[in-house]
Amino acid sequence: GIRKIDGLIGRTDLLDMKQGVEHWKAKGLDFSKIFHMPPVPAGVARFHCESQDHAMGNALDHQLIARAQPALERGEKVSFEVPVKNVNRTVGTMLANAVASRYGHAGLPDETIHIRMHGTAGQSFGAFLARGITLELVGEGNDYVGKGLCGGKIVVKPPKEFKGRPSENIIVGNTVLYGAIEGEVYFRGVAGERFCVRNSGAMAVVEGTGDHGCEYMTGGTVVVLGPTGRNFAAGMSGGIAYVLDQDGGFAKRCNTAMVTLEQVLPAAAQPDDGTRHRIGGIGQADEAVLKRLIQAHADETGSQTAQELLADWPAALSRFVKIFPNEYRRALKEMAAAQAQEKEAA
């Protein structure tokens, strides 16, 4: 006689264990405590019956959208500065939605909207950031920076008055770039654990990571200009990572179940055998990709680490390790073979 799903909520009296289950593991199981429904005072709801106020009206993005109207409406470049606090979560996400709703995934031309922020950003700073938006944070970010990044650019760097060495200090939290599909990030400092987990297309430069870096990564490019934690590349099936092996011990911190560690060869010495890293559908030499990203990191953040590496590039290049997923290599070879067959057929 129950007509709606809401009427089933809390009706543990209707639950029963299937009598036909005869697996030996099921024998003797007592579900009485799981099925028990404690008494609920009158007036206490058992299912959703009132709306919650998430205080979305106070979101910082309303201010960002208002100031970005020339870009949103007419494609004009805009640039402005705003402070940010750790109570400001998912900063840039509503702005990204405003871009995507008008222009789709193609977004706007790079640097159409450039927002410089000062302070500490709350969780998920720049989540799902659309192409054409650059968020430059002078300060630090919490967990999930760049989650689901969709083509935007994020730069995080310490303020000029910071006295420590950025390469030895955390600047963004855990699970940064979770599930990112496209875009660029440059972090002048160290990231927490699970950096770039499930990244499938973003390009990232960071000066150190915690444990489980590049976990389950399926695409994109990651450059680490410093030490990593343990279990790097666990479940990594695609994309490429380049790690500066300062102490020669990176191999012990890397999970090689699905990847192979290689030396990064100079462009002239790297064979063009179809297994070069494909960016934008074009195979590119490791040295060219690596140097370009480190140069961009230096330009975007003023990183002293990046500048020192570029100043003595041949020596720096020799200390980088390339993390090459075995499945990605196989896929590249198959693509190259298919293209060769097409040319022969033509």
C-alpha atoms as a PDB file:
ATOM      1  CA  GLY A   1       0.000   0.000   0.000  1.00  0.00           C
ATOM      2  CA  ILE A   2       3.020   2.324   0.001  1.00  0.00           C
ATOM      3  CA  ARG A   3       2.718   4.780  -2.888  1.00  0.00           C
ATOM      4  CA  LYS A   4       5.916   6.872  -2.540  1.00  0.00           C
ATOM      5  CA  ILE A   5       9.587   6.184  -1.782  1.00  0.00           C
ATOM      6  CA  ASP A   6       9.351   8.584   1.166  1.00  0.00           C
ATOM      7  CA  GLY A   7       6.885   6.178   2.725  1.00  0.00           C
ATOM      8  CA  LEU A   8       9.532   3.443   2.793  1.00  0.00           C
ATOM      9  CA  ILE A   9      12.096   5.475   4.701  1.00  0.00           C
ATOM     10  CA  GLY A  10      12.411   4.155   8.227  1.00  0.00           C
ATOM     11  CA  ARG A  11      10.203   1.125   7.610  1.00  0.00           C
ATOM     12  CA  THR A  12      12.702  -1.438   8.851  1.00  0.00           C
ATOM     13  CA  ASP A  13       9.772  -3.677   9.742  1.00  0.00           C
ATOM     14  CA  LEU A  14       9.528  -4.422   6.023  1.00  0.00           C
ATOM     15  CA  LEU A  15      13.141  -5.637   5.787  1.00  0.00           C
ATOM     16  CA  ASP A  16      13.928  -9.325   5.926  1.00  0.00           C
ATOM     17  CA  MET A  17      16.778 -11.628   5.051  1.00  0.00           C
ATOM     18  CA  LYS A  18      16.283 -13.701   1.942  1.00  0.00           C
ATOM     19  CA  GLN A  19      15.495 -17.190   3.118  1.00  0.00           C
ATOM     20  CA  GLY A  20      16.898 -18.837  -0.007  1.00  0.00           C
ATOM     21  CA  VAL A  21      20.471 -17.779   0.703  1.00  0.00           C
ATOM     22  CA  GLU A  22      22.389 -20.905   1.602  1.00  0.00           C
ATOM     23  CA  HIS A  23      25.960 -19.709   1.207  1.00  0.00           C
ATOM     24  CA  TRP A  24      27.985 -20.822   4.192  1.00  0.00           C
ATOM     25  CA  LYS A  25      29.026 -17.237   4.948  1.00  0.00           C
ATOM     26  CA  ALA A  26      25.357 -16.227   5.409  1.00  0.00           C
ATOM     27  CA  LYS A  27      24.558 -18.896   7.988  1.00  0.00           C
ATOM     28  CA  GLY A  28      24.234 -17.568  11.498  1.00  0.00           C
ATOM     29  CA  LEU A  29      24.087 -13.885  10.547  1.00  0.00           C
ATOM     30  CA  ASP A  30      21.956 -11.798  12.874  1.00  0.00           C
ATOM     31  CA  PHE A  31      20.483  -8.677  11.243  1.00  0.00           C
ATOM     32  CA  SER A  32      18.357  -7.576  14.193  1.00  0.00           C
ATOM     33  CA  LYS A  33      20.652  -4.708  15.179  1.00  0.00           C
ATOM     34  CA  ILE A  34      20.915  -3.492  11.580  1.00  0.00           C
ATOM     35  CA  PHE A  35      17.141  -3.683  11.089  1.00  0.00           C
ATOM     36  CA  HIS A  36      16.374  -2.052  14.466  1.00  0.00           C
ATOM     37  CA  MET A  37      14.622   1.303  14.255  1.00  0.00           C
ATOM     38  CA  PRO A  38      15.100   3.391  17.409  1.00  0.00           C
ATOM     39  CA  PRO A  39      12.139   5.439  18.606  1.00  0.00           C
ATOM     40  CA  VAL A  40      11.979   8.878  16.992  1.00  0.00           C
ATOM     41  CA  PRO A  41      10.316  11.768  18.860  1.00  0.00           C
ATOM     42  CA  ALA A  42       7.248  13.249  17.287  1.00  0.00           C
ATOM     43  CA  GLY A  43       8.024  16.038  14.845  1.00  0.00           C
ATOM     44  CA  VAL A  44      11.473  14.738  13.910  1.00  0.00           C
ATOM     45  CA  ALA A  45      11.624  14.110  10.169  1.00  0.00           C
ATOM     46  CA  ARG A  46      12.999  10.885   8.736  1.00  0.00           C
ATOM     47  CA  PHE A  47      13.387  12.174   5.196  1.00  0.00           C
ATOM     48  CA  HIS A  48      14.066  15.437   3.396  1.00  0.00           C
ATOM     49  CA  CYS A  49      11.157  17.783   3.949  1.00  0.00           C
ATOM     50  CA  GLU A  50      12.711  21.259   4.249  1.00  0.00           C
ATOM     51  CA  SER A  51      15.213  23.190   2.148  1.00  0.00           C
ATOM     52  CA  GLN A  52      18.698  23.914   3.436  1.00  0.00           C
ATOM     53  CA  ASP A  53      20.319  27.313   3.245  1.00  0.00           C
ATOM     54  CA  HIS A  54      23.838  26.870   1.831  1.00  0.00           C
ATOM     55  CA  ALA A  55      24.471  30.629   1.982  1.00  0.00           C
ATOM     56  CA  MET A  56      25.263  30.688  -1.716  1.00  0.00           C
ATOM     57  CA  GLY A  57      24.197  34.314  -1.786  1.00  0.00           C
ATOM     58  CA  ASN A  58      27.374  35.149   0.133  1.00  0.00           C
ATOM     59  CA  ALA A  59      29.713  33.372  -2.310  1.00  0.00           C
ATOM     60  CA  LEU A  60      32.703  35.409  -3.474  1.00  0.00           C
ATOM     61  CA  ASP A  61      31.942  34.381  -7.052  1.00  0.00           C
ATOM     62  CA  HIS A  62      29.013  36.795  -7.254  1.00  0.00           C
ATOM     63  CA  GLN A  63      31.545  39.613  -6.992  1.00  0.00           C
ATOM     64  CA  LEU A  64      33.831  37.962  -9.544  1.00  0.00           C
ATOM     65  CA  ILE A  65      30.993  37.485 -12.038  1.00  0.00           C
ATOM     66  CA  ALA A  66      29.876  41.103 -11.663  1.00  0.00           C
ATOM     67  CA  ARG A  67      33.382  42.430 -12.312  1.00  0.00           C
ATOM     68  CA  ALA A  68      33.941  40.041 -15.225  1.00  0.00           C
ATOM     69  CA  GLN A  69      30.841  41.117 -17.156  1.00  0.00           C
ATOM     70  CA  PRO A  70      32.794  42.826 -19.998  1.00  0.00           C
ATOM     71  CA  ALA A  71      34.539  39.500 -20.646  1.00  0.00           C
ATOM     72  CA  LEU A  72      31.411  37.402 -20.271  1.00  0.00           C
ATOM     73  CA  GLU A  73      29.227  39.600 -22.453  1.00  0.00           C
ATOM     74  CA  ARG A  74      31.647  41.010 -25.026  1.00  0.00           C
ATOM     75  CA  GLY A  75      34.853  38.954 -24.749  1.00  0.00           C
ATOM     76  CA  GLU A  76      36.848  41.957 -23.517  1.00  0.00           C
ATOM     77  CA  LYS A  77      39.881  41.327 -21.331  1.00  0.00           C
ATOM     78  CA  VAL A  78      39.437  42.116 -17.648  1.00  0.00           C
ATOM     79  CA  SER A  79      41.932  42.057 -14.783  1.00  0.00           C
ATOM     80  CA  PHE A  80      41.335  42.864 -11.132  1.00  0.00           C
ATOM     81  CA  GLU A  81      42.397  41.994  -7.582  1.00  0.00           C
ATOM     82  CA  VAL A  82      40.366  40.711  -4.634  1.00  0.00           C
ATOM     83  CA  PRO A  83      41.197  39.341  -1.177  1.00  0.00           C
ATOM     84  CA  VAL A  84      40.309  35.731  -0.356  1.00  0.00           C
ATOM     85  CA  LYS A  85      39.809  33.860   2.920  1.00  0.00           C
ATOM     86  CA  ASN A  86      39.564  30.187   3.796  1.00  0.00           C
ATOM     87  CA  VAL A  87      35.794  30.526   4.231  1.00  0.00           C
ATOM     88  CA  ASN A  88      35.616  31.205   0.474  1.00  0.00           C
ATOM     89  CA  ARG A  89      35.179  27.734  -1.025  1.00  0.00           C
ATOM     90  CA  THR A  90      35.126  26.701  -4.692  1.00  0.00           C
ATOM     91  CA  VAL A  91      36.267  30.180  -5.694  1.00  0.00           C
ATOM     92  CA  GLY A  92      35.945  30.568  -9.453  1.00  0.00           C
ATOM     93  CA  THR A  93      33.502  27.706  -9.995  1.00  0.00           C
ATOM     94  CA  MET A  94      30.381  29.834 -10.429  1.00  0.00           C
ATOM     95  CA  LEU A  95      32.393  32.155 -12.680  1.00  0.00           C
ATOM     96  CA  ALA A  96      33.470  29.132 -14.728  1.00  0.00           C
ATOM     97  CA  ASN A  97      29.826  28.140 -15.048  1.00  0.00           C
ATOM     98  CA  ALA A  98      29.032  31.622 -16.359  1.00  0.00           C
ATOM     99  CA  VAL A  99      31.715  31.145 -19.029  1.00  0.00           C
ATOM    100  CA  ALA A 100      30.675  27.597 -19.907  1.00  0.00           C
ATOM    101  CA  SER A 101      26.977  28.449 -20.133  1.00  0.00           C
ATOM    102  CA  ARG A 102      27.787  31.098 -22.756  1.00  0.00           C
ATOM    103  CA  TYR A 103      30.722  29.584 -24.636  1.00  0.00           C
ATOM    104  CA  GLY A 104      30.678  25.874 -23.854  1.00  0.00           C
ATOM    105  CA  HIS A 105      33.851  23.894 -23.221  1.00  0.00           C
ATOM    106  CA  ALA A 106      35.728  26.053 -25.756  1.00  0.00           C
ATOM    107  CA  GLY A 107      35.521  28.871 -23.228  1.00  0.00           C
ATOM    108  CA  LEU A 108      37.265  32.181 -23.836  1.00  0.00           C
ATOM    109  CA  PRO A 109      40.731  32.978 -25.211  1.00  0.00           C
ATOM    110  CA  ASP A 110      43.534  32.523 -22.697  1.00  0.00           C
ATOM    111  CA  GLU A 111      43.915  35.284 -20.104  1.00  0.00           C
ATOM    112  CA  THR A 112      40.577  36.921 -20.972  1.00  0.00           C
ATOM    113  CA  ILE A 113      39.761  36.993 -17.261  1.00  0.00           C
ATOM    114  CA  HIS A 114      42.754  37.406 -14.929  1.00  0.00           C
ATOM    115  CA  ILE A 115      42.016  37.587 -11.211  1.00  0.00           C
ATOM    116  CA  ARG A 116      44.787  38.175  -8.699  1.00  0.00           C
ATOM    117  CA  MET A 117      43.940  37.156  -5.140  1.00  0.00           C
ATOM    118  CA  HIS A 118      45.681  37.620  -1.823  1.00  0.00           C
ATOM    119  CA  GLY A 119      45.187  35.391   1.220  1.00  0.00           C
ATOM    120  CA  THR A 120      44.284  31.803   1.999  1.00  0.00           C
ATOM    121  CA  ALA A 121      41.777  30.134  -0.286  1.00  0.00           C
ATOM    122  CA  GLY A 122      39.282  27.615   1.059  1.00  0.00           C
ATOM    123  CA  GLN A 123      38.725  24.134  -0.319  1.00  0.00           C
ATOM    124  CA  SER A 124      38.394  23.487  -4.054  1.00  0.00           C
ATOM    125  CA  PHE A 125      39.906  26.783  -5.181  1.00  0.00           C
ATOM    126  CA  GLY A 126      39.502  26.975  -8.964  1.00  0.00           C
ATOM    127  CA  ALA A 127      37.398  23.812  -9.187  1.00  0.00           C
ATOM    128  CA  PHE A 128      36.155  23.137 -12.746  1.00  0.00           C
ATOM    129  CA  LEU A 129      37.815  26.365 -13.890  1.00  0.00           C
ATOM    130  CA  ALA A 130      36.965  27.081 -17.532  1.00  0.00           C
ATOM    131  CA  ARG A 131      39.313  28.025 -20.360  1.00  0.00           C
ATOM    132  CA  GLY A 132      40.016  31.739 -20.493  1.00  0.00           C
ATOM    133  CA  ILE A 133      40.139  32.260 -16.713  1.00  0.00           C
ATOM    134  CA  THR A 134      43.383  32.689 -14.790  1.00  0.00           C
ATOM    135  CA  LEU A 135      43.353  32.658 -10.994  1.00  0.00           C
ATOM    136  CA  GLU A 136      46.596  33.960  -9.509  1.00  0.00           C
ATOM    137  CA  LEU A 137      46.748  33.386  -5.759  1.00  0.00           C
ATOM    138  CA  VAL A 138      49.391  35.082  -3.658  1.00  0.00           C
ATOM    139  CA  GLY A 139      49.160  33.055  -0.479  1.00  0.00           C
ATOM    140  CA  GLU A 140      48.165  29.401  -0.153  1.00  0.00           C
ATOM    141  CA  GLY A 141      45.335  27.037  -0.993  1.00  0.00           C
ATOM    142  CA  ASN A 142      43.601  24.261   0.913  1.00  0.00           C
ATOM    143  CA  ASP A 143      42.698  20.798  -0.402  1.00  0.00           C
ATOM    144  CA  TYR A 144      41.304  20.082  -3.879  1.00  0.00           C
ATOM    145  CA  VAL A 145      42.795  23.099  -5.671  1.00  0.00           C
ATOM    146  CA  GLY A 146      41.895  22.785  -9.367  1.00  0.00           C
ATOM    147  CA  LYS A 147      39.520  19.855  -8.861  1.00  0.00           C
ATOM    148  CA  GLY A 148      38.062  18.937 -12.249  1.00  0.00           C
ATOM    149  CA  LEU A 149      40.047  21.709 -13.952  1.00  0.00           C
ATOM    150  CA  CYS A 150      38.462  22.316 -17.381  1.00  0.00           C
ATOM    151  CA  GLY A 151      41.003  24.435 -19.233  1.00  0.00           C
ATOM    152  CA  GLY A 152      41.688  27.357 -16.907  1.00  0.00           C
ATOM    153  CA  LYS A 153      45.008  28.390 -15.394  1.00  0.00           C
ATOM    154  CA  ILE A 154      45.879  28.487 -11.683  1.00  0.00           C
ATOM    155  CA  VAL A 155      49.016  30.047 -10.212  1.00  0.00           C
ATOM    156  CA  VAL A 156      49.772  29.871  -6.497  1.00  0.00           C
ATOM    157  CA  LYS A 157      52.856  31.515  -5.015  1.00  0.00           C
ATOM    158  CA  PRO A 158      53.923  32.855  -1.617  1.00  0.00           C
ATOM    159  CA  PRO A 159      53.935  36.587  -0.892  1.00  0.00           C
ATOM    160  CA  LYS A 160      57.183  38.519  -1.289  1.00  0.00           C
ATOM    161  CA  GLU A 161      57.534  38.912   2.473  1.00  0.00           C
ATOM    162  CA  PHE A 162      57.599  35.115   2.981  1.00  0.00           C
ATOM    163  CA  LYS A 163      60.970  34.326   4.578  1.00  0.00           C
ATOM    164  CA  GLY A 164      61.198  30.553   4.080  1.00  0.00           C
ATOM    165  CA  ARG A 165      62.228  28.552   1.026  1.00  0.00           C
ATOM    166  CA  PRO A 166      59.107  27.878  -1.055  1.00  0.00           C
ATOM    167  CA  SER A 167      60.542  24.543  -2.195  1.00  0.00           C
ATOM    168  CA  GLU A 168      60.502  23.379   1.426  1.00  0.00           C
ATOM    169  CA  ASN A 169      57.036  24.583   2.401  1.00  0.00           C
ATOM    170  CA  ILE A 170      53.500  23.406   1.661  1.00  0.00           C
ATOM    171  CA  ILE A 171      51.535  25.834  -0.490  1.00  0.00           C
ATOM    172  CA  VAL A 172      48.530  23.724  -1.549  1.00  0.00           C
ATOM    173  CA  GLY A 173      46.824  20.874   0.255  1.00  0.00           C
ATOM    174  CA  ASN A 174      45.842  17.313  -0.565  1.00  0.00           C
ATOM    175  CA  THR A 175      44.181  15.839  -3.661  1.00  0.00           C
ATOM    176  CA  VAL A 176      45.050  18.813  -5.843  1.00  0.00           C
ATOM    177  CA  LEU A 177      43.879  18.567  -9.497  1.00  0.00           C
ATOM    178  CA  TYR A 178      41.637  15.620  -8.688  1.00  0.00           C
ATOM    179  CA  GLY A 179      40.023  14.558 -11.954  1.00  0.00           C
ATOM    180  CA  ALA A 180      41.367  17.536 -13.940  1.00  0.00           C
ATOM    181  CA  ILE A 181      40.839  17.225 -17.701  1.00  0.00           C
ATOM    182  CA  GLU A 182      42.597  20.273 -19.154  1.00  0.00           C
ATOM    183  CA  GLY A 183      44.444  23.449 -18.174  1.00  0.00           C
ATOM    184  CA  GLU A 184      47.657  24.580 -16.499  1.00  0.00           C
ATOM    185  CA  VAL A 185      48.770  25.018 -12.896  1.00  0.00           C
ATOM    186  CA  TYR A 186      51.977  26.375 -11.415  1.00  0.00           C
ATOM    187  CA  PHE A 187      52.656  26.037  -7.689  1.00  0.00           C
ATOM    188  CA  ARG A 188      55.725  27.675  -6.176  1.00  0.00           C
ATOM    189  CA  GLY A 189      55.920  25.335  -3.231  1.00  0.00           C
ATOM    190  CA  VAL A 190      55.084  21.806  -2.157  1.00  0.00           C
ATOM    191  CA  ALA A 191      51.735  20.046  -2.567  1.00  0.00           C
ATOM    192  CA  GLY A 192      50.215  17.584  -0.117  1.00  0.00           C
ATOM    193  CA  GLU A 193      49.271  13.983  -0.744  1.00  0.00           C
ATOM    194  CA  ARG A 194      47.631  12.506  -3.858  1.00  0.00           C
ATOM    195  CA  PHE A 195      48.730  15.309  -6.150  1.00  0.00           C
ATOM    196  CA  CYS A 196      47.084  14.951  -9.590  1.00  0.00           C
ATOM    197  CA  VAL A 197      45.103  11.872  -8.632  1.00  0.00           C
ATOM    198  CA  ARG A 198      43.001  10.879 -11.665  1.00  0.00           C
ATOM    199  CA  ASN A 199      44.379  13.767 -13.712  1.00  0.00           C
ATOM    200  CA  SER A 200      43.469  13.109 -17.329  1.00  0.00           C
ATOM    201  CA  GLY A 201      44.805  16.102 -19.220  1.00  0.00           C
ATOM    202  CA  ALA A 202      46.078  19.030 -17.150  1.00  0.00           C
ATOM    203  CA  MET A 203      49.692  20.227 -17.127  1.00  0.00           C
ATOM    204  CA  ALA A 204      51.154  20.926 -13.701  1.00  0.00           C
ATOM    205  CA  VAL A 205      54.415  22.115 -12.196  1.00  0.00           C
ATOM    206  CA  VAL A 206      55.055  21.835  -8.465  1.00  0.00           C
ATOM    207  CA  GLU A 207      58.185  21.961  -6.302  1.00  0.00           C
ATOM    208  CA  GLY A 208      57.513  18.814  -4.271  1.00  0.00           C
ATOM    209  CA  THR A 209      54.694  16.433  -3.353  1.00  0.00           C
ATOM    210  CA  GLY A 210      53.523  14.214  -0.533  1.00  0.00           C
ATOM    211  CA  ASP A 211      52.657  10.518  -0.813  1.00  0.00           C
ATOM    212  CA  HIS A 212      50.752   8.927  -3.712  1.00  0.00           C
ATOM    213  CA  GLY A 213      51.556  11.569  -6.346  1.00  0.00           C
ATOM    214  CA  CYS A 214      50.006  10.969  -9.802  1.00  0.00           C
ATOM    215  CA  GLU A 215      47.841   8.174  -8.413  1.00  0.00           C
ATOM    216  CA  TYR A 216      45.504   6.704 -11.065  1.00  0.00           C
ATOM    217  CA  MET A 217      46.597   9.399 -13.518  1.00  0.00           C
ATOM    218  CA  THR A 218      45.368   8.729 -17.071  1.00  0.00           C
ATOM    219  CA  GLY A 219      46.674  11.739 -19.010  1.00  0.00           C
ATOM    220  CA  GLY A 220      48.353  15.123 -18.838  1.00  0.00           C
ATOM    221  CA  THR A 221      51.853  16.175 -17.838  1.00  0.00           C
ATOM    222  CA  VAL A 222      53.299  16.627 -14.354  1.00  0.00           C
ATOM    223  CA  VAL A 223      56.664  18.169 -13.476  1.00  0.00           C
ATOM    224  CA  VAL A 224      57.981  17.875  -9.910  1.00  0.00           C
ATOM    225  CA  LEU A 225      60.968  20.095  -9.147  1.00  0.00           C
ATOM    226  CA  GLY A 226      61.752  18.483  -5.830  1.00  0.00           C
ATOM    227  CA  PRO A 227      61.223  15.456  -3.588  1.00  0.00           C
ATOM    228  CA  THR A 228      58.144  13.260  -3.629  1.00  0.00           C
ATOM    229  CA  GLY A 229      56.571  11.052  -1.006  1.00  0.00           C
ATOM    230  CA  ARG A 230      56.218   7.289  -1.303  1.00  0.00           C
ATOM    231  CA  ASN A 231      54.036   5.321  -3.714  1.00  0.00           C
ATOM    232  CA  PHE A 232      54.379   7.770  -6.590  1.00  0.00           C
ATOM    233  CA  ALA A 233      52.556   6.709  -9.798  1.00  0.00           C
ATOM    234  CA  ALA A 234      50.425   3.985  -8.204  1.00  0.00           C
ATOM    235  CA  GLY A 235      47.822   2.953 -10.780  1.00  0.00           C
ATOM    236  CA  MET A 236      49.144   5.479 -13.292  1.00  0.00           C
ATOM    237  CA  SER A 237      48.077   4.346 -16.769  1.00  0.00           C
ATOM    238  CA  GLY A 238      48.533   7.466 -18.908  1.00  0.00           C
ATOM    239  CA  GLY A 239      50.235  10.808 -19.211  1.00  0.00           C
ATOM    240  CA  ILE A 240      53.858  11.546 -18.359  1.00  0.00           C
ATOM    241  CA  ALA A 241      55.577  12.756 -15.200  1.00  0.00           C
ATOM    242  CA  TYR A 242      59.052  14.238 -14.892  1.00  0.00           C
ATOM    243  CA  VAL A 243      60.626  14.245 -11.431  1.00  0.00           C
ATOM    244  CA  LEU A 244      63.851  15.965 -10.387  1.00  0.00           C
ATOM    245  CA  ASP A 245      65.676  13.163  -8.583  1.00  0.00           C
ATOM    246  CA  GLN A 246      67.823  15.252  -6.268  1.00  0.00           C
ATOM    247  CA  ASP A 247      69.020  12.497  -3.959  1.00  0.00           C
ATOM    248  CA  GLY A 248      68.989   9.571  -6.398  1.00  0.00           C
ATOM    249  CA  GLY A 249      66.390   7.760  -4.304  1.00  0.00           C
ATOM    250  CA  PHE A 250      63.249   8.418  -6.310  1.00  0.00           C
ATOM    251  CA  ALA A 251      63.075   4.844  -7.629  1.00  0.00           C
ATOM    252  CA  LYS A 252      62.507   3.602  -4.073  1.00  0.00           C
ATOM    253  CA  ARG A 253      59.592   6.006  -3.627  1.00  0.00           C
ATOM    254  CA  CYS A 254      57.940   5.137  -6.941  1.00  0.00           C
ATOM    255  CA  ASN A 255      55.426   2.347  -7.484  1.00  0.00           C
ATOM    256  CA  THR A 256      56.670   0.700 -10.665  1.00  0.00           C
ATOM    257  CA  ALA A 257      53.850  -1.836 -11.039  1.00  0.00           C
ATOM    258  CA  MET A 258      52.451   0.056 -14.046  1.00  0.00           C
ATOM    259  CA  VAL A 259      55.244   2.426 -15.088  1.00  0.00           C
ATOM    260  CA  THR A 260      58.835   2.404 -16.272  1.00  0.00           C
ATOM    261  CA  LEU A 261      61.458   4.897 -15.131  1.00  0.00           C
ATOM    262  CA  GLU A 262      63.640   6.357 -17.861  1.00  0.00           C
ATOM    263  CA  GLN A 263      66.313   8.977 -18.308  1.00  0.00           C
ATOM    264  CA  VAL A 264      65.142  12.202 -19.918  1.00  0.00           C
ATOM    265  CA  LEU A 265      67.191  12.410 -23.099  1.00  0.00           C
ATOM    266  CA  PRO A 266      68.153  15.599 -24.948  1.00  0.00           C
ATOM    267  CA  ALA A 267      65.758  16.249 -27.826  1.00  0.00           C
ATOM    268  CA  ALA A 268      68.405  15.429 -30.445  1.00  0.00           C
ATOM    269  CA  ALA A 269      69.082  12.040 -28.838  1.00  0.00           C
ATOM    270  CA  GLN A 270      65.476  10.966 -28.321  1.00  0.00           C
ATOM    271  CA  PRO A 271      64.306   8.639 -31.080  1.00  0.00           C
ATOM    272  CA  ASP A 272      61.092   9.569 -32.865  1.00  0.00           C
ATOM    273  CA  ASP A 273      59.696   6.037 -32.750  1.00  0.00           C
ATOM    274  CA  GLY A 274      56.079   6.962 -32.183  1.00  0.00           C
ATOM    275  CA  THR A 275      56.297   6.878 -28.390  1.00  0.00           C
ATOM    276  CA  ARG A 276      56.926  10.580 -27.819  1.00  0.00           C
ATOM    277  CA  HIS A 277      54.521  12.251 -25.392  1.00  0.00           C
ATOM    278  CA  ARG A 278      51.492  13.526 -27.317  1.00  0.00           C
ATOM    279  CA  ILE A 279      50.283  17.019 -26.393  1.00  0.00           C
ATOM    280  CA  GLY A 280      47.525  18.444 -28.522  1.00  0.00           C
ATOM    281  CA  GLY A 281      47.739  15.325 -30.670  1.00  0.00           C
ATOM    282  CA  ILE A 282      51.373  15.988 -31.595  1.00  0.00           C
ATOM    283  CA  GLY A 283      54.312  13.902 -30.372  1.00  0.00           C
ATOM    284  CA  GLN A 284      56.864  16.106 -28.634  1.00  0.00           C
ATOM    285  CA  ALA A 285      60.362  15.518 -27.315  1.00  0.00           C
ATOM    286  CA  ASP A 286      60.632  15.209 -23.555  1.00  0.00           C
ATOM    287  CA  GLU A 287      63.276  17.906 -23.277  1.00  0.00           C
ATOM    288  CA  ALA A 288      61.149  20.425 -25.172  1.00  0.00           C
ATOM    289  CA  VAL A 289      58.073  19.750 -23.035  1.00  0.00           C
ATOM    290  CA  LEU A 290      60.004  19.792 -19.777  1.00  0.00           C
ATOM    291  CA  LYS A 291      61.981  22.947 -20.473  1.00  0.00           C
ATOM    292  CA  ARG A 292      58.908  24.813 -21.712  1.00  0.00           C
ATOM    293  CA  LEU A 293      56.953  24.006 -18.556  1.00  0.00           C
ATOM    294  CA  ILE A 294      59.819  24.933 -16.240  1.00  0.00           C
ATOM    295  CA  GLN A 295      60.245  28.222 -18.098  1.00  0.00           C
ATOM    296  CA  ALA A 296      56.512  28.905 -17.759  1.00  0.00           C
ATOM    297  CA  HIS A 297      56.770  28.098 -14.038  1.00  0.00           C
ATOM    298  CA  ALA A 298      59.596  30.612 -13.653  1.00  0.00           C
ATOM    299  CA  ASP A 299      57.656  33.254 -15.582  1.00  0.00           C
ATOM    300  CA  GLU A 300      54.377  32.717 -13.695  1.00  0.00           C
ATOM    301  CA  THR A 301      55.721  32.345 -10.145  1.00  0.00           C
ATOM    302  CA  GLY A 302      59.239  33.825 -10.102  1.00  0.00           C
ATOM    303  CA  SER A 303      60.486  30.474  -8.814  1.00  0.00           C
ATOM    304  CA  GLN A 304      64.146  30.541  -7.843  1.00  0.00           C
ATOM    305  CA  THR A 305      64.260  26.752  -8.173  1.00  0.00           C
ATOM    306  CA  ALA A 306      63.115  26.938 -11.788  1.00  0.00           C
ATOM    307  CA  GLN A 307      65.556  29.742 -12.573  1.00  0.00           C
ATOM    308  CA  GLU A 308      68.480  27.772 -11.150  1.00  0.00           C
ATOM    309  CA  LEU A 309      67.574  24.718 -13.218  1.00  0.00           C
ATOM    310  CA  LEU A 310      67.312  26.741 -16.415  1.00  0.00           C
ATOM    311  CA  ALA A 311      70.612  28.506 -15.720  1.00  0.00           C
ATOM    312  CA  ASP A 312      72.473  25.165 -15.930  1.00  0.00           C
ATOM    313  CA  TRP A 313      70.093  23.241 -18.147  1.00  0.00           C
ATOM    314  CA  PRO A 314      72.320  20.365 -19.359  1.00  0.00           C
ATOM    315  CA  ALA A 315      73.182  19.406 -15.784  1.00  0.00           C
ATOM    316  CA  ALA A 316      69.574  19.835 -14.645  1.00  0.00           C
ATOM    317  CA  LEU A 317      68.221  17.692 -17.482  1.00  0.00           C
ATOM    318  CA  SER A 318      70.445  14.791 -16.489  1.00  0.00           C
ATOM    319  CA  ARG A 319      68.854  14.656 -13.029  1.00  0.00           C
ATOM    320  CA  PHE A 320      65.267  14.308 -14.222  1.00  0.00           C
ATOM    321  CA  VAL A 321      63.518  10.962 -14.308  1.00  0.00           C
ATOM    322  CA  LYS A 322      60.722  10.282 -16.769  1.00  0.00           C
ATOM    323  CA  ILE A 323      57.814   8.217 -15.479  1.00  0.00           C
ATOM    324  CA  PHE A 324      56.321   6.447 -18.500  1.00  0.00           C
ATOM    325  CA  PRO A 325      53.184   4.297 -18.012  1.00  0.00           C
ATOM    326  CA  ASN A 326      53.463   0.955 -19.779  1.00  0.00           C
ATOM    327  CA  GLU A 327      49.906   1.082 -21.115  1.00  0.00           C
ATOM    328  CA  TYR A 328      50.465   4.578 -22.492  1.00  0.00           C
ATOM    329  CA  ARG A 329      53.571   3.387 -24.313  1.00  0.00           C
ATOM    330  CA  ARG A 330      51.618   0.474 -25.794  1.00  0.00           C
ATOM    331  CA  ALA A 331      48.818   2.798 -26.930  1.00  0.00           C
ATOM    332  CA  LEU A 332      51.271   5.212 -28.558  1.00  0.00           C
ATOM    333  CA  LYS A 333      52.930   2.361 -30.460  1.00  0.00           C
ATOM    334  CA  GLU A 334      49.563   1.103 -31.694  1.00  0.00           C
ATOM    335  CA  MET A 335      48.578   4.596 -32.817  1.00  0.00           C
ATOM    336  CA  ALA A 336      51.879   5.024 -34.660  1.00  0.00           C
ATOM    337  CA  ALA A 337      51.461   1.645 -36.372  1.00  0.00           C
ATOM    338  CA  ALA A 338      47.911   2.513 -37.423  1.00  0.00           C
ATOM    339  CA  GLN A 339      49.028   5.853 -38.848  1.00  0.00           C
ATOM    340  CA  ALA A 340      51.862   4.136 -40.769  1.00  0.00           C
ATOM    341  CA  GLN A 341      49.383   1.689 -42.291  1.00  0.00           C
ATOM    342  CA  GLU A 342      47.109   4.535 -43.340  1.00  0.00           C
ATOM    343  CA  LYS A 343      49.995   6.274 -45.107  1.00  0.00           C
ATOM    344  CA  GLU A 344      50.943   3.081 -46.932  1.00  0.00           C
ATOM    345  CA  ALA A 345      47.353   2.527 -48.001  1.00  0.00           C
ATOM    346  CA  ALA A 346      47.144   6.095 -49.311  1.00  0.00           C
END
